Protein backbone atom coordinates (compact mmCIF):
# COMPACT_ATOMS: atom_id res chain seq x y z
CA MET A 1 0.00 0.00 0.00
CA VAL A 2 1.36 3.41 -1.02
CA THR A 3 1.98 5.73 1.92
CA LEU A 4 1.93 9.50 2.36
CA LYS A 5 5.70 9.42 2.92
CA GLU A 6 6.25 8.00 -0.55
CA ILE A 7 4.11 10.70 -2.14
CA ALA A 8 5.85 13.37 -0.05
CA LYS A 9 9.28 12.12 -1.14
CA ALA A 10 8.28 12.21 -4.80
CA ALA A 11 6.77 15.70 -4.46
CA GLY A 12 9.58 17.08 -2.34
CA ILE A 13 7.34 18.23 0.52
CA SER A 14 6.42 16.99 3.99
CA PRO A 15 3.96 14.12 4.62
CA SER A 16 1.78 16.45 6.68
CA THR A 17 1.43 18.81 3.71
CA VAL A 18 0.53 15.88 1.48
CA SER A 19 -2.11 14.80 3.96
CA ARG A 20 -3.65 18.27 4.09
CA VAL A 21 -3.67 18.57 0.29
CA LEU A 22 -5.38 15.20 -0.15
CA SER A 23 -7.95 16.02 2.55
CA TYR A 24 -8.75 19.36 0.86
CA ASP A 25 -7.78 21.38 3.93
CA PRO A 26 -9.11 24.90 3.17
CA THR A 27 -6.64 26.52 5.61
CA LEU A 28 -3.57 25.18 3.79
CA SER A 29 -1.56 27.78 1.86
CA VAL A 30 0.36 26.01 -0.90
CA ALA A 31 1.17 26.78 -4.53
CA ASP A 32 -1.28 25.49 -7.12
CA ALA A 33 1.56 23.69 -8.89
CA THR A 34 2.45 21.82 -5.71
CA ARG A 35 -1.18 20.91 -5.09
CA THR A 36 -1.55 19.60 -8.64
CA ALA A 37 1.68 17.62 -8.37
CA VAL A 38 0.48 15.89 -5.19
CA PHE A 39 -2.73 14.71 -6.83
CA GLU A 40 -0.93 13.57 -9.97
CA ILE A 41 1.67 11.61 -7.99
CA ALA A 42 -1.01 10.05 -5.78
CA GLU A 43 -2.96 8.96 -8.84
CA ALA A 44 0.13 7.61 -10.58
CA LEU A 45 1.06 5.56 -7.51
CA ASN A 46 -2.55 4.36 -7.14
CA TYR A 47 -2.79 5.80 -3.64
CA ALA A 48 -5.93 4.81 -1.74
CA SER A 49 -7.04 7.43 0.77
CA PRO A 50 -8.55 6.44 4.16
CA ARG A 51 -11.96 7.27 2.69
CA THR A 52 -11.45 4.96 -0.24
CA ARG A 53 -10.14 2.17 1.98
CA ALA A 54 -13.08 2.66 4.34
CA MET A 55 -15.56 2.40 1.51
CA ARG A 56 -13.94 -0.78 0.26
CA ARG A 57 -13.82 -2.29 3.73
CA ALA A 58 -17.33 -1.23 4.77
CA GLY A 59 -19.09 -2.16 1.59
CA ASN A 60 -16.99 -4.96 0.10
CA GLY A 61 -17.53 -3.30 -3.23
CA LYS A 62 -21.08 -2.23 -2.36
CA ARG A 63 -22.25 1.32 -1.81
CA LEU A 64 -21.40 2.78 1.60
CA ARG A 65 -24.51 3.29 3.75
CA ILE A 66 -24.50 5.86 6.58
CA ALA A 67 -27.34 6.39 9.05
CA LEU A 68 -27.93 9.95 10.24
CA ALA A 69 -29.60 9.95 13.66
CA HIS A 70 -30.95 13.42 14.52
CA PHE A 71 -31.86 14.59 18.03
CA LEU A 72 -34.61 16.82 16.60
CA ARG A 73 -37.91 16.00 14.96
CA PRO A 74 -38.08 16.82 11.21
CA GLU A 75 -40.22 19.93 11.73
CA GLU A 76 -37.91 21.15 14.51
CA GLU A 77 -34.84 20.75 12.34
CA LEU A 78 -36.42 22.64 9.44
CA ALA A 79 -37.17 25.54 11.81
CA ASP A 80 -33.48 25.80 12.77
CA PRO A 81 -31.19 26.81 9.86
CA TYR A 82 -28.12 25.88 11.91
CA TYR A 83 -28.99 22.20 12.14
CA VAL A 84 -30.10 22.18 8.52
CA ALA A 85 -26.55 23.33 7.70
CA VAL A 86 -24.99 20.55 9.82
CA ARG A 87 -27.08 17.98 7.97
CA LEU A 88 -26.23 19.50 4.58
CA GLY A 89 -22.54 19.23 5.42
CA ILE A 90 -22.99 15.52 6.11
CA GLU A 91 -25.08 14.96 3.00
CA ARG A 92 -22.75 16.83 0.65
CA ARG A 93 -19.73 14.91 1.86
CA CYS A 94 -21.65 11.65 1.48
CA GLN A 95 -22.75 12.67 -2.00
CA ALA A 96 -19.13 13.27 -2.98
CA LEU A 97 -18.34 9.77 -1.71
CA GLN A 98 -21.40 8.31 -3.46
CA ALA A 99 -22.54 7.04 -0.08
CA GLU A 100 -26.18 6.38 0.74
CA ILE A 101 -27.79 8.32 3.61
CA VAL A 102 -30.52 6.92 5.86
CA ARG A 103 -32.19 9.62 8.00
CA VAL A 104 -33.47 8.70 11.45
CA TYR A 105 -35.20 11.58 13.25
CA HIS A 106 -36.23 11.88 16.89
CA THR A 107 -39.67 10.55 17.85
CA ASP A 108 -41.41 9.62 21.09
CA ASP A 109 -40.35 6.02 20.53
CA ALA A 110 -36.94 4.51 19.83
CA PRO A 111 -36.22 4.29 16.10
CA ASP A 112 -36.12 1.00 14.26
CA ALA A 113 -32.84 -0.60 15.29
CA SER A 114 -32.60 -2.38 11.94
CA LEU A 115 -32.04 0.99 10.24
CA LEU A 116 -28.85 1.43 12.22
CA ALA A 117 -27.76 -2.19 12.05
CA SER A 118 -28.04 -2.19 8.26
CA ALA A 119 -25.73 0.83 7.96
CA SER A 120 -21.93 0.76 7.83
CA GLY A 121 -21.87 3.44 10.51
CA VAL A 122 -23.96 6.06 12.29
CA ILE A 123 -23.57 9.83 12.65
CA ALA A 124 -25.59 11.22 15.57
CA VAL A 125 -26.40 14.90 15.08
CA GLY A 126 -26.72 17.17 18.11
CA PRO A 127 -26.81 16.42 21.85
CA HIS A 128 -28.28 13.14 23.07
CA THR A 129 -29.08 11.92 26.57
CA GLU A 130 -27.00 9.18 28.17
CA GLU A 131 -29.85 6.76 27.60
CA GLU A 132 -30.00 7.64 23.89
CA ILE A 133 -26.21 7.41 23.56
CA GLY A 134 -26.27 3.94 25.09
CA TRP A 135 -28.99 2.83 22.68
CA LEU A 136 -27.14 4.20 19.66
CA ALA A 137 -23.88 2.55 20.72
CA LYS A 138 -25.66 -0.78 21.22
CA HIS A 139 -26.98 -0.82 17.66
CA SER A 140 -24.05 0.80 15.82
CA GLU A 141 -20.78 -0.79 14.82
CA ALA A 142 -19.23 2.65 14.25
CA LEU A 143 -20.69 5.75 15.91
CA VAL A 144 -19.67 9.41 15.51
CA PHE A 145 -21.29 12.50 17.06
CA ALA A 146 -21.65 15.71 15.07
CA ASP A 147 -22.03 19.03 16.92
CA SER A 148 -21.88 17.25 20.24
CA HIS A 149 -19.24 16.33 22.80
CA PRO A 150 -20.31 13.32 24.90
CA SER A 151 -18.55 13.13 28.25
CA GLY A 152 -15.78 10.68 28.97
CA GLU A 153 -13.91 10.72 25.64
CA ARG A 154 -15.80 7.60 24.60
CA PHE A 155 -16.78 8.46 21.03
CA ASP A 156 -15.43 10.23 17.98
CA CYS A 157 -17.05 13.65 17.73
CA THR A 158 -16.99 17.09 16.15
CA PHE A 159 -17.88 20.14 18.23
CA SER A 160 -17.31 23.84 18.87
CA ASP A 161 -16.20 25.14 22.26
CA LEU A 162 -19.19 27.37 23.00
CA ALA A 163 -18.23 27.84 26.64
CA SER A 164 -14.91 29.44 25.70
CA ALA A 165 -16.62 31.55 23.05
CA THR A 166 -19.11 32.81 25.65
CA THR A 167 -16.32 33.72 28.05
CA ARG A 168 -14.33 35.52 25.34
CA LEU A 169 -17.39 37.51 24.31
CA LEU A 170 -18.13 38.53 27.90
CA ASP A 171 -14.52 39.56 28.51
CA LEU A 172 -14.62 41.89 25.51
CA LEU A 173 -17.90 43.49 26.47
CA PHE A 174 -16.91 43.83 30.13
CA SER A 175 -13.67 45.55 29.14
CA ASN A 176 -15.76 48.10 27.26
CA GLY A 177 -17.75 49.13 30.28
CA TYR A 178 -20.79 46.84 30.24
CA LYS A 179 -21.83 45.66 33.71
CA LYS A 180 -25.37 44.28 33.40
CA PHE A 181 -25.52 41.01 31.47
CA GLY A 182 -28.46 38.75 30.68
CA ILE A 183 -28.69 35.42 28.88
CA ILE A 184 -31.53 33.46 27.31
CA ALA A 185 -30.14 29.94 27.16
CA GLY A 186 -31.32 26.41 26.46
CA PHE A 187 -31.92 23.47 28.75
CA GLY A 188 -29.13 21.03 29.51
CA LEU A 189 -30.22 17.55 28.46
CA GLU A 190 -30.16 16.08 31.95
CA ASP A 191 -31.50 19.18 33.74
CA ASP A 192 -34.50 19.15 36.01
CA ARG A 193 -36.86 21.54 34.23
CA ASN A 194 -38.02 22.85 37.62
CA ALA A 195 -34.50 23.87 38.60
CA PRO A 196 -32.54 23.99 35.34
CA LYS A 197 -28.83 24.63 35.15
CA GLY A 198 -28.89 25.31 31.42
CA ASP A 199 -26.58 24.37 28.57
CA GLU A 200 -22.84 24.99 28.30
CA ARG A 201 -23.29 28.62 27.23
CA CYS A 202 -25.46 29.23 30.29
CA ARG A 203 -23.05 27.51 32.66
CA ALA A 204 -20.10 29.48 31.26
CA PHE A 205 -22.10 32.70 31.53
CA ARG A 206 -23.03 32.08 35.15
CA ALA A 207 -19.49 31.12 36.16
CA TRP A 208 -18.09 34.23 34.47
CA ALA A 209 -20.73 36.57 35.95
CA GLU A 210 -20.25 35.21 39.47
CA ARG A 211 -16.49 35.50 39.14
CA HIS A 212 -16.87 39.16 38.13
CA GLN A 213 -19.58 39.74 40.76
CA VAL A 214 -22.17 40.85 38.20
CA PHE A 215 -24.51 37.85 38.26
CA ASP A 216 -28.20 38.69 38.60
CA PRO A 217 -30.61 35.71 38.65
CA ASP A 218 -33.35 37.94 37.21
CA TYR A 219 -31.28 38.19 34.04
CA LEU A 220 -31.05 34.42 33.57
CA HIS A 221 -33.83 32.91 31.43
CA ILE A 222 -33.79 29.26 30.36
CA GLY A 223 -36.10 27.64 27.82
CA PRO A 224 -36.23 26.00 24.39
CA LEU A 225 -33.97 27.76 21.88
CA ARG A 226 -36.80 29.21 19.79
CA HIS A 227 -38.10 32.62 18.74
CA GLU A 228 -40.87 32.40 21.34
CA THR A 229 -38.39 32.01 24.21
CA GLY A 230 -36.52 35.16 23.27
CA TYR A 231 -39.79 37.07 22.87
CA THR A 232 -41.14 35.91 26.24
CA ALA A 233 -37.91 36.66 28.13
CA MET A 234 -37.63 40.15 26.64
CA GLN A 235 -41.26 40.93 27.41
CA ARG A 236 -40.65 39.95 31.04
CA TRP A 237 -37.60 42.19 31.30
CA LEU A 238 -39.42 45.08 29.64
CA GLY A 239 -42.38 44.66 31.99
CA ASN A 240 -40.19 44.65 35.06
CA SER A 241 -38.41 47.84 33.94
CA GLY A 242 -35.11 46.06 34.24
CA ILE A 243 -33.26 45.48 30.98
CA PRO A 244 -29.69 44.13 30.86
CA GLN A 245 -27.16 46.20 28.98
CA VAL A 246 -26.15 43.03 27.13
CA ILE A 247 -28.59 40.30 26.09
CA ILE A 248 -27.07 37.03 24.87
CA GLY A 249 -29.36 34.68 22.99
CA GLY A 250 -28.56 30.97 23.10
CA ASN A 251 -28.91 31.04 19.32
CA ASP A 252 -29.90 33.50 16.61
CA ASN A 253 -33.52 32.33 16.65
CA VAL A 254 -33.77 33.42 20.28
CA ALA A 255 -32.22 36.78 19.38
CA ILE A 256 -34.82 37.27 16.64
CA GLY A 257 -37.53 36.79 19.26
CA VAL A 258 -35.83 39.47 21.38
CA TYR A 259 -35.89 41.85 18.39
CA ARG A 260 -39.63 41.39 17.97
CA ALA A 261 -40.36 42.18 21.63
CA VAL A 262 -38.04 45.20 21.49
CA GLN A 263 -39.80 46.62 18.44
CA GLU A 264 -43.16 46.28 20.17
CA GLY A 265 -41.71 48.00 23.25
CA GLY A 266 -40.53 51.02 21.30
CA LEU A 267 -36.81 50.58 22.08
CA LYS A 268 -33.86 50.13 19.73
CA VAL A 269 -31.37 47.28 19.63
CA GLY A 270 -27.82 48.61 19.47
CA LYS A 271 -28.78 51.90 21.05
CA ASP A 272 -30.59 51.05 24.28
CA PHE A 273 -28.79 47.74 24.79
CA VAL A 274 -26.68 45.13 23.02
CA VAL A 275 -27.99 41.83 21.58
CA VAL A 276 -25.72 38.93 20.61
CA GLY A 277 -26.65 35.52 19.19
CA PHE A 278 -24.99 32.23 18.32
CA ASN A 279 -24.67 30.32 15.02
CA ASP A 280 -24.66 33.18 12.45
CA ILE A 281 -27.64 31.89 10.47
CA PRO A 282 -28.25 33.67 7.10
CA ALA A 283 -31.04 35.85 8.53
CA ALA A 284 -28.73 37.37 11.17
CA GLN A 285 -27.08 39.84 8.79
CA PHE A 286 -30.44 41.04 7.43
CA LEU A 287 -32.04 42.01 10.75
CA SER A 288 -32.39 45.68 11.60
CA PRO A 289 -29.86 46.33 12.95
CA PRO A 290 -27.74 43.37 11.75
CA LEU A 291 -27.10 40.92 14.58
CA THR A 292 -23.73 40.44 16.24
CA THR A 293 -23.29 36.68 16.58
CA ILE A 294 -20.85 33.83 17.20
CA HIS A 295 -20.11 32.24 13.84
CA ILE A 296 -19.98 28.43 13.96
CA GLU A 297 -18.90 26.33 10.98
CA ALA A 298 -22.03 24.19 10.91
CA GLU A 299 -21.47 22.50 7.56
CA LYS A 300 -17.83 21.76 8.37
CA LEU A 301 -18.91 20.08 11.61
CA GLY A 302 -21.00 17.73 9.48
CA GLU A 303 -18.27 17.16 6.91
CA ALA A 304 -15.70 16.39 9.60
CA ALA A 305 -18.06 13.87 11.19
CA VAL A 306 -18.22 11.92 7.92
CA ASP A 307 -14.43 11.93 7.71
CA LEU A 308 -14.15 10.62 11.27
CA LEU A 309 -16.58 7.83 10.49
CA LEU A 310 -14.61 6.81 7.41
CA GLU A 311 -11.38 6.76 9.40
CA ARG A 312 -13.09 4.58 12.00
CA LEU A 313 -14.32 2.20 9.30
CA ALA A 314 -10.80 2.11 7.85
CA GLY A 315 -9.51 0.66 11.10
CA ARG A 316 -8.66 3.52 13.47
CA ASP A 317 -9.42 2.31 16.99
CA THR A 318 -8.51 5.36 19.10
CA VAL A 319 -11.04 8.03 19.98
CA LYS A 320 -10.63 11.21 17.96
CA GLU A 321 -12.25 14.57 18.69
CA VAL A 322 -12.32 17.45 16.21
CA LYS A 323 -12.86 20.91 17.71
CA LEU A 324 -13.57 23.65 15.20
CA GLY A 325 -12.87 27.26 16.02
CA VAL A 326 -15.55 29.94 16.22
CA LYS A 327 -15.35 33.70 15.75
CA ILE A 328 -17.33 36.74 16.78
CA ILE A 329 -19.02 38.55 13.90
CA TRP A 330 -19.45 42.15 15.04
CA ARG A 331 -22.49 43.89 13.59
CA ASP A 332 -24.62 46.90 14.54
CA SER A 333 -26.61 45.19 17.29
CA CYS A 334 -23.43 45.77 19.28
CA ARG A 335 -22.71 49.31 18.19
CA ASN A 336 -19.76 50.52 20.23
CA ALA A 337 -16.82 52.46 18.83
CA LYS A 338 -14.39 50.91 21.30
CA LEU A 339 -15.25 47.42 20.06
CA GLN A 340 -14.03 48.39 16.60
CA SER A 341 -10.47 48.39 17.91
CA HIS A 342 -10.93 44.80 19.08
CA LYS A 343 -12.06 43.83 15.61
CA LYS A 344 -8.93 45.25 14.05
CA SER A 345 -6.51 43.89 16.64
CA SER A 346 -8.04 40.40 16.62
CA GLY A 347 -8.42 40.18 12.85
CA LYS A 348 -12.10 39.34 13.22
């Protein structure tokens, strides 16, 4: 079997560069002539990539079959552009591999186990409870999680560090004089709904606010990450005559709900207070004012999950986690001249 070292020697570059060229790494800066040479040498030597080997091993010449197990119901996924993008990333990578996709969405009952058993591997999209993880692992020979980070380093997964992103955002805003922070966050999967702790963004927010002695329980609202939750939370704050200077929505859909309540209340986002979301869905830039948000590479999370599954099918037996970076997209919902200097200095 031809190795990356052999291709690297023939091309006069390092094996790591060869690997990044063959995996279409978009962050790699290399001359077009070098890139072309790598592909030509690989083809001439009949190099079989991990994907190709995985397809041969998994299908024995048959078409690769991947089950996509979603934590949302179909109608819930369609209402959330972020998770649509994660799924599209998976589907496009599978299409390039000519792999068949079997979609298994969340229902009140456990899905048909035969759908998973008949697949070469399973990609579980989004967060799942421990009970659901156990069921998926029981019926899957190869299991990868996309946009989720199960505890214990037990499974291959792709994820974004939203807790660190939340802390970085708060640090920037705090350094620019903001002292009153509120968050509208989602439930943690294992939370008691009567006394919820919230998701990782909420937990990071609370830890940061308590550390800086600015935590106010009245400015903590937890509920489903939907437009209605943002609208309800903002109405409550408006009615109590106590509005945070900074309102963080657990996702952009929540922030859109905040916008609606603000418009009805006669105030202005970006002038009377700051609103920030997560995910950077397409609608975020078209709000009035455009929404500052944490950009997450949703499609790349899906693509990377497919790659992890193929590596697993090719024989890798160690757990591998892929963490993708996020960045703050500053827009006019966070209109502050001092923040412009952070944009320039950070390159964001």
